[in-house]
């Protein structure tokens, strides 16, 4: 059932972007624990199984978890690329073996996450990756807790918000949308997550 829900979400995203090519999708939510990482990982898998070449990036440099999902090392990753200009993206991505899905973990957790994520190297990374991948999915930090997600929104084509049924209240939902007003035209929809048992995707 969950696989079918993500296939539906994938299809809806495609229909929502018929007028423009969507290469980079940011997945974020009001708070930690809303299901961002689970959503990002499953959406990436669904797209990869649809014969797309996908890169999933863990840009949550404060509390990364994509490496746990895919049971891979986090010794090198996004921070390695952003801090070492000589690093090669092809050497630090992890090939999952799930279709054409590659994963770029966060790498070592830095003390200055916002400065690193907002550096010109981040934009350079996404431009470079867009030449090799059909779609880039970014698992970002939550909107209401740190500024990193707002910074990442500047670099993305589209934004998907994850609201947790029974946890995300109306005040948090409106606050999240207000913070992203500068990028409102990038928000393609909301995923209402009911502890991953049931998901609904609402287009804006």
Foldseek 3Di string as FASTA:
>chain_A
DLLVQLLVVLVLVCVLAVPHQFAEEEEAEAAPPLCLLVSLVSNLLSVLLVQFQEEEEELALPDWDNCVVLVHDQQDFDLNVLVDVPDDPVVQWAQSPRRNYIYTTNHHRDPPSQPSLLDPSVLVVSVVVSVPGSHYYYRYYYVNPDPSSVSVLVNGQAYEYRGEPPPDDPVSVVVSCVSCVVNNVRYQWYWYDDVSPDIDTDGD
